[in-house]
Amino acid sequence: MIKDLLVRSKGDQALFGGKSTIQMKKKLEVPKSRPLADFLPTITIKAKDFAGEITHFNVKKKNLIGETLITNEHEKNNKDVRQILGKSNIFPESLPPEKDIKRLLHNRIAIIFNNSISHVPCLQQY
């Protein structure tokens, strides 16, 4: 678990142009108890996911074993994805935060629930 976090942290640092996960959380004003991903734009989430999938694929393909080899592979893939984004003038560390995903989901569920109640006469009093 801890090793997995270290690998991901190194990948984030490569994707965010040298900024650590902690630095990005501060920059985007993410509460310490919340994941950075809850506040990242979709393009950044997809970039992280794509780099992770490349790493997963190459770990199997190259039969990589050990934290150092896997970390190096993950860093390389994040740098490569960053380079692709850069060609479109997209730099993950410069993008504004998205609205809090958990709060958006909570609000959406509340709207759906309230709309559902309005169609059931005996529940309208609640």
N, C-alpha and C. Protein backbone atom coordinates (compact mmCIF):
# COMPACT_ATOMS: atom_id res chain seq x y z
N MET A 1 0.82 -1.19 0.00
CA MET A 1 0.00 0.00 0.00
C MET A 1 0.87 1.26 0.00
N ILE A 2 1.81 1.36 0.93
CA ILE A 2 2.68 2.54 1.02
C ILE A 2 3.53 2.64 -0.24
N LYS A 3 4.05 1.50 -0.70
CA LYS A 3 4.87 1.52 -1.91
C LYS A 3 4.04 1.98 -3.11
N ASP A 4 2.80 1.54 -3.17
CA ASP A 4 1.91 1.94 -4.25
C ASP A 4 1.71 3.46 -4.23
N LEU A 5 1.55 4.02 -3.04
CA LEU A 5 1.39 5.47 -2.90
C LEU A 5 2.64 6.21 -3.35
N LEU A 6 3.81 5.65 -3.04
CA LEU A 6 5.06 6.28 -3.47
C LEU A 6 5.20 6.28 -4.98
N VAL A 7 4.81 5.18 -5.61
CA VAL A 7 4.86 5.08 -7.07
C VAL A 7 3.93 6.12 -7.67
N ARG A 8 2.71 6.21 -7.15
CA ARG A 8 1.73 7.17 -7.67
C ARG A 8 2.19 8.61 -7.44
N SER A 9 2.79 8.86 -6.28
CA SER A 9 3.27 10.20 -5.97
C SER A 9 4.34 10.64 -6.95
N LYS A 10 5.24 9.74 -7.28
CA LYS A 10 6.29 10.06 -8.27
C LYS A 10 5.66 10.31 -9.64
N GLY A 11 4.63 9.55 -9.97
CA GLY A 11 3.93 9.76 -11.23
C GLY A 11 3.25 11.12 -11.26
N ASP A 12 2.57 11.47 -10.16
CA ASP A 12 1.93 12.79 -10.08
C ASP A 12 2.95 13.90 -10.27
N GLN A 13 4.09 13.76 -9.62
CA GLN A 13 5.12 14.79 -9.71
C GLN A 13 5.59 14.95 -11.16
N ALA A 14 5.71 13.86 -11.88
CA ALA A 14 6.11 13.93 -13.28
C ALA A 14 5.01 14.59 -14.12
N LEU A 15 3.76 14.25 -13.87
CA LEU A 15 2.64 14.81 -14.63
C LEU A 15 2.45 16.29 -14.34
N PHE A 16 2.67 16.69 -13.08
CA PHE A 16 2.46 18.07 -12.67
C PHE A 16 3.72 18.93 -12.79
N GLY A 17 4.63 18.55 -13.66
CA GLY A 17 5.81 19.37 -13.94
C GLY A 17 6.72 19.60 -12.76
N GLY A 18 6.84 18.59 -11.90
CA GLY A 18 7.74 18.68 -10.76
C GLY A 18 7.04 19.00 -9.44
N LYS A 19 5.78 19.40 -9.51
CA LYS A 19 5.04 19.71 -8.28
C LYS A 19 4.52 18.41 -7.65
N SER A 20 4.69 18.30 -6.35
CA SER A 20 4.25 17.10 -5.64
C SER A 20 2.73 17.14 -5.45
N THR A 21 2.19 16.01 -5.02
CA THR A 21 0.77 15.92 -4.73
C THR A 21 0.40 16.94 -3.64
N ILE A 22 1.23 17.06 -2.63
CA ILE A 22 0.97 18.01 -1.53
C ILE A 22 0.98 19.44 -2.05
N GLN A 23 1.94 19.77 -2.91
CA GLN A 23 1.99 21.12 -3.49
C GLN A 23 0.75 21.41 -4.33
N MET A 24 0.29 20.42 -5.09
CA MET A 24 -0.90 20.61 -5.92
C MET A 24 -2.15 20.77 -5.04
N LYS A 25 -2.22 20.01 -3.95
CA LYS A 25 -3.37 20.15 -3.04
C LYS A 25 -3.40 21.56 -2.46
N LYS A 26 -2.24 22.08 -2.11
CA LYS A 26 -2.18 23.46 -1.58
C LYS A 26 -2.59 24.45 -2.65
N LYS A 27 -2.06 24.29 -3.85
CA LYS A 27 -2.34 25.21 -4.95
C LYS A 27 -3.84 25.24 -5.26
N LEU A 28 -4.47 24.08 -5.27
CA LEU A 28 -5.89 23.98 -5.60
C LEU A 28 -6.80 24.12 -4.37
N GLU A 29 -6.18 24.34 -3.21
CA GLU A 29 -6.91 24.51 -1.94
C GLU A 29 -7.79 23.30 -1.61
N VAL A 30 -7.20 22.12 -1.77
CA VAL A 30 -7.87 20.86 -1.45
C VAL A 30 -7.67 20.57 0.03
N PRO A 31 -8.74 20.30 0.76
CA PRO A 31 -8.57 19.94 2.18
C PRO A 31 -7.63 18.73 2.33
N LYS A 32 -6.84 18.74 3.38
CA LYS A 32 -5.85 17.67 3.60
C LYS A 32 -6.49 16.29 3.63
N SER A 33 -7.70 16.21 4.13
CA SER A 33 -8.37 14.91 4.28
C SER A 33 -9.01 14.41 2.99
N ARG A 34 -8.98 15.20 1.94
CA ARG A 34 -9.64 14.85 0.69
C ARG A 34 -8.63 14.49 -0.40
N PRO A 35 -9.00 13.60 -1.31
CA PRO A 35 -8.11 13.25 -2.41
C PRO A 35 -8.01 14.39 -3.43
N LEU A 36 -6.83 14.57 -3.96
CA LEU A 36 -6.60 15.57 -4.99
C LEU A 36 -7.53 15.34 -6.18
N ALA A 37 -7.74 14.09 -6.53
CA ALA A 37 -8.54 13.75 -7.72
C ALA A 37 -9.96 14.30 -7.65
N ASP A 38 -10.50 14.52 -6.44
CA ASP A 38 -11.85 15.07 -6.31
C ASP A 38 -11.95 16.49 -6.85
N PHE A 39 -10.82 17.14 -7.07
CA PHE A 39 -10.81 18.54 -7.49
C PHE A 39 -10.09 18.75 -8.83
N LEU A 40 -9.68 17.67 -9.45
CA LEU A 40 -8.96 17.79 -10.73
C LEU A 40 -9.92 17.87 -11.91
N PRO A 41 -9.53 18.64 -12.93
CA PRO A 41 -10.33 18.65 -14.16
C PRO A 41 -10.32 17.26 -14.81
N THR A 42 -11.34 16.97 -15.56
CA THR A 42 -11.47 15.67 -16.22
C THR A 42 -10.24 15.33 -17.06
N ILE A 43 -9.69 16.31 -17.77
CA ILE A 43 -8.53 16.05 -18.63
C ILE A 43 -7.35 15.53 -17.80
N THR A 44 -7.19 16.06 -16.60
CA THR A 44 -6.08 15.62 -15.74
C THR A 44 -6.35 14.23 -15.19
N ILE A 45 -7.58 13.95 -14.82
CA ILE A 45 -7.93 12.62 -14.33
C ILE A 45 -7.69 11.58 -15.43
N LYS A 46 -8.11 11.91 -16.64
CA LYS A 46 -7.91 11.00 -17.77
C LYS A 46 -6.42 10.81 -18.06
N ALA A 47 -5.65 11.87 -17.93
CA ALA A 47 -4.20 11.78 -18.15
C ALA A 47 -3.55 10.85 -17.12
N LYS A 48 -3.94 11.02 -15.85
CA LYS A 48 -3.41 10.15 -14.80
C LYS A 48 -3.80 8.69 -15.05
N ASP A 49 -5.06 8.50 -15.44
CA ASP A 49 -5.56 7.16 -15.71
C ASP A 49 -4.82 6.53 -16.90
N PHE A 50 -4.62 7.30 -17.96
CA PHE A 50 -3.93 6.81 -19.14
C PHE A 50 -2.48 6.40 -18.80
N ALA A 51 -1.78 7.25 -18.08
CA ALA A 51 -0.41 6.93 -17.67
C ALA A 51 -0.39 5.67 -16.79
N GLY A 52 -1.37 5.55 -15.91
CA GLY A 52 -1.47 4.37 -15.05
C GLY A 52 -1.72 3.10 -15.84
N GLU A 53 -2.57 3.19 -16.85
CA GLU A 53 -2.85 2.02 -17.70
C GLU A 53 -1.63 1.61 -18.51
N ILE A 54 -0.89 2.59 -19.00
CA ILE A 54 0.35 2.28 -19.73
C ILE A 54 1.33 1.57 -18.80
N THR A 55 1.43 2.08 -17.57
CA THR A 55 2.32 1.45 -16.59
C THR A 55 1.88 0.02 -16.33
N HIS A 56 0.61 -0.17 -16.07
CA HIS A 56 0.08 -1.51 -15.80
C HIS A 56 0.39 -2.46 -16.96
N PHE A 57 0.15 -1.99 -18.18
CA PHE A 57 0.41 -2.79 -19.38
C PHE A 57 1.90 -3.15 -19.48
N ASN A 58 2.76 -2.15 -19.30
CA ASN A 58 4.20 -2.39 -19.45
C ASN A 58 4.80 -3.21 -18.32
N VAL A 59 4.24 -3.10 -17.13
CA VAL A 59 4.73 -3.94 -16.02
C VAL A 59 4.53 -5.41 -16.38
N LYS A 60 3.38 -5.72 -16.95
CA LYS A 60 3.12 -7.10 -17.37
C LYS A 60 3.98 -7.49 -18.57
N LYS A 61 3.98 -6.62 -19.58
CA LYS A 61 4.68 -6.92 -20.83
C LYS A 61 6.19 -7.10 -20.60
N LYS A 62 6.76 -6.22 -19.80
CA LYS A 62 8.21 -6.25 -19.55
C LYS A 62 8.57 -7.08 -18.32
N ASN A 63 7.55 -7.63 -17.64
CA ASN A 63 7.74 -8.42 -16.43
C ASN A 63 8.57 -7.64 -15.40
N LEU A 64 8.17 -6.39 -15.16
CA LEU A 64 8.89 -5.54 -14.22
C LEU A 64 8.57 -5.95 -12.79
N ILE A 65 9.60 -6.09 -12.00
CA ILE A 65 9.45 -6.49 -10.60
C ILE A 65 10.28 -5.54 -9.76
N GLY A 66 9.70 -5.10 -8.67
CA GLY A 66 10.42 -4.23 -7.75
C GLY A 66 9.96 -2.78 -7.85
N GLU A 67 9.99 -2.13 -6.70
CA GLU A 67 9.50 -0.76 -6.60
C GLU A 67 10.24 0.20 -7.53
N THR A 68 11.54 0.08 -7.61
CA THR A 68 12.34 1.02 -8.42
C THR A 68 11.99 0.93 -9.89
N LEU A 69 11.94 -0.29 -10.42
CA LEU A 69 11.62 -0.46 -11.85
C LEU A 69 10.22 0.03 -12.17
N ILE A 70 9.27 -0.29 -11.32
CA ILE A 70 7.88 0.10 -11.55
C ILE A 70 7.73 1.62 -11.40
N THR A 71 8.38 2.20 -10.40
CA THR A 71 8.34 3.65 -10.21
C THR A 71 8.93 4.37 -11.42
N ASN A 72 10.07 3.89 -11.89
CA ASN A 72 10.70 4.51 -13.06
C ASN A 72 9.79 4.43 -14.28
N GLU A 73 9.15 3.30 -14.47
CA GLU A 73 8.22 3.12 -15.59
C GLU A 73 7.04 4.09 -15.46
N HIS A 74 6.50 4.21 -14.26
CA HIS A 74 5.35 5.08 -14.04
C HIS A 74 5.73 6.55 -14.25
N GLU A 75 6.90 6.94 -13.77
CA GLU A 75 7.38 8.31 -13.98
C GLU A 75 7.53 8.61 -15.47
N LYS A 76 8.13 7.69 -16.19
CA LYS A 76 8.34 7.85 -17.62
C LYS A 76 7.01 8.02 -18.34
N ASN A 77 6.04 7.19 -18.00
CA ASN A 77 4.74 7.26 -18.66
C ASN A 77 4.02 8.58 -18.36
N ASN A 78 4.13 9.06 -17.14
CA ASN A 78 3.53 10.35 -16.80
C ASN A 78 4.23 11.50 -17.53
N LYS A 79 5.53 11.41 -17.66
CA LYS A 79 6.26 12.44 -18.43
C LYS A 79 5.84 12.41 -19.89
N ASP A 80 5.68 11.22 -20.43
CA ASP A 80 5.25 11.09 -21.83
C ASP A 80 3.84 11.67 -22.04
N VAL A 81 2.94 11.37 -21.11
CA VAL A 81 1.57 11.90 -21.19
C VAL A 81 1.61 13.43 -21.05
N ARG A 82 2.43 13.92 -20.15
CA ARG A 82 2.58 15.37 -19.98
C ARG A 82 3.07 16.01 -21.28
N GLN A 83 3.99 15.36 -21.95
CA GLN A 83 4.52 15.89 -23.21
C GLN A 83 3.41 15.97 -24.27
N ILE A 84 2.58 14.93 -24.32
CA ILE A 84 1.45 14.94 -25.27
C ILE A 84 0.50 16.11 -24.94
N LEU A 85 0.17 16.29 -23.67
CA LEU A 85 -0.69 17.40 -23.27
C LEU A 85 -0.05 18.74 -23.63
N GLY A 86 1.24 18.84 -23.40
CA GLY A 86 1.97 20.07 -23.69
C GLY A 86 1.90 20.47 -25.16
N LYS A 87 1.82 19.48 -26.04
CA LYS A 87 1.70 19.78 -27.47
C LYS A 87 0.40 20.51 -27.78
N SER A 88 -0.58 20.34 -26.91
CA SER A 88 -1.85 21.06 -27.05
C SER A 88 -1.93 22.24 -26.08
N ASN A 89 -0.77 22.61 -25.54
CA ASN A 89 -0.67 23.73 -24.61
C ASN A 89 -1.51 23.51 -23.34
N ILE A 90 -1.56 22.26 -22.89
CA ILE A 90 -2.25 21.91 -21.65
C ILE A 90 -1.21 21.48 -20.63
N PHE A 91 -1.18 22.19 -19.50
CA PHE A 91 -0.23 21.88 -18.44
C PHE A 91 -1.03 21.66 -17.15
N PRO A 92 -1.11 20.40 -16.71
CA PRO A 92 -1.98 20.04 -15.58
C PRO A 92 -1.83 20.92 -14.34
N GLU A 93 -0.62 21.33 -14.02
CA GLU A 93 -0.41 22.13 -12.82
C GLU A 93 -0.95 23.55 -12.96
N SER A 94 -1.28 23.96 -14.18
CA SER A 94 -1.79 25.32 -14.42
C SER A 94 -3.30 25.38 -14.57
N LEU A 95 -3.95 24.24 -14.59
CA LEU A 95 -5.40 24.21 -14.78
C LEU A 95 -6.13 24.56 -13.47
N PRO A 96 -7.26 25.25 -13.58
CA PRO A 96 -8.02 25.57 -12.37
C PRO A 96 -8.69 24.31 -11.81
N PRO A 97 -9.00 24.33 -10.52
CA PRO A 97 -9.67 23.17 -9.93
C PRO A 97 -11.11 23.06 -10.43
N GLU A 98 -11.62 21.85 -10.39
CA GLU A 98 -13.04 21.63 -10.66
C GLU A 98 -13.78 21.81 -9.34
N LYS A 99 -15.09 21.92 -9.43
CA LYS A 99 -15.88 21.96 -8.21
C LYS A 99 -15.75 20.62 -7.51
N ASP A 100 -15.93 20.64 -6.23
CA ASP A 100 -15.84 19.45 -5.39
C ASP A 100 -16.78 18.36 -5.91
N ILE A 101 -16.23 17.27 -6.39
CA ILE A 101 -17.02 16.20 -6.99
C ILE A 101 -17.98 15.58 -5.99
N LYS A 102 -17.55 15.39 -4.76
CA LYS A 102 -18.45 14.81 -3.75
C LYS A 102 -19.65 15.72 -3.49
N ARG A 103 -19.39 17.02 -3.43
CA ARG A 103 -20.48 17.96 -3.19
C ARG A 103 -21.43 17.97 -4.39
N LEU A 104 -20.90 17.95 -5.60
CA LEU A 104 -21.75 17.92 -6.79
C LEU A 104 -22.61 16.67 -6.82
N LEU A 105 -22.00 15.53 -6.49
CA LEU A 105 -22.75 14.28 -6.46
C LEU A 105 -23.85 14.31 -5.40
N HIS A 106 -23.51 14.81 -4.23
CA HIS A 106 -24.49 14.92 -3.15
C HIS A 106 -25.66 15.80 -3.59
N ASN A 107 -25.36 16.96 -4.20
CA ASN A 107 -26.42 17.86 -4.66
C ASN A 107 -27.28 17.21 -5.73
N ARG A 108 -26.66 16.47 -6.63
CA ARG A 108 -27.41 15.81 -7.71
C ARG A 108 -28.35 14.75 -7.13
N ILE A 109 -27.86 13.98 -6.18
CA ILE A 109 -28.68 12.95 -5.54
C ILE A 109 -29.86 13.62 -4.82
N ALA A 110 -29.60 14.73 -4.13
CA ALA A 110 -30.66 15.44 -3.41
C ALA A 110 -31.73 15.93 -4.38
N ILE A 111 -31.32 16.44 -5.53
CA ILE A 111 -32.28 16.91 -6.53
C ILE A 111 -33.14 15.75 -7.04
N ILE A 112 -32.49 14.64 -7.35
CA ILE A 112 -33.22 13.46 -7.84
C ILE A 112 -34.20 12.97 -6.78
N PHE A 113 -33.73 12.91 -5.53
CA PHE A 113 -34.59 12.45 -4.44
C PHE A 113 -35.79 13.38 -4.26
N ASN A 114 -35.53 14.68 -4.23
CA ASN A 114 -36.61 15.65 -4.05
C ASN A 114 -37.61 15.59 -5.21
N ASN A 115 -37.13 15.41 -6.41
CA ASN A 115 -38.03 15.28 -7.56
C ASN A 115 -38.86 14.01 -7.46
N SER A 116 -38.27 12.96 -6.94
CA SER A 116 -38.99 11.70 -6.79
C SER A 116 -40.10 11.83 -5.75
N ILE A 117 -39.80 12.48 -4.65
CA ILE A 117 -40.78 12.66 -3.59
C ILE A 117 -41.97 13.48 -4.08
N SER A 118 -41.71 14.46 -4.93
CA SER A 118 -42.80 15.33 -5.38
C SER A 118 -43.84 14.58 -6.22
N HIS A 119 -43.51 13.38 -6.67
CA HIS A 119 -44.44 12.59 -7.47
C HIS A 119 -45.18 11.54 -6.64
N VAL A 120 -44.89 11.48 -5.35
CA VAL A 120 -45.55 10.51 -4.47
C VAL A 120 -46.30 11.32 -3.40
N PRO A 121 -47.62 11.43 -3.54
CA PRO A 121 -48.42 12.30 -2.65
C PRO A 121 -48.19 12.05 -1.16
N CYS A 122 -48.10 10.82 -0.71
CA CYS A 122 -47.99 10.55 0.72
C CYS A 122 -46.61 10.95 1.27
N LEU A 123 -45.62 11.17 0.40
CA LEU A 123 -44.27 11.55 0.86
C LEU A 123 -44.01 13.05 0.75
N GLN A 124 -44.93 13.78 0.19
CA GLN A 124 -44.71 15.21 -0.02
C GLN A 124 -44.57 15.99 1.27
N GLN A 125 -45.11 15.47 2.36
CA GLN A 125 -45.01 16.18 3.63
C GLN A 125 -43.60 16.13 4.19
N TYR A 126 -42.75 15.24 3.70
CA TYR A 126 -41.39 15.11 4.21
C TYR A 126 -40.53 16.03 3.42
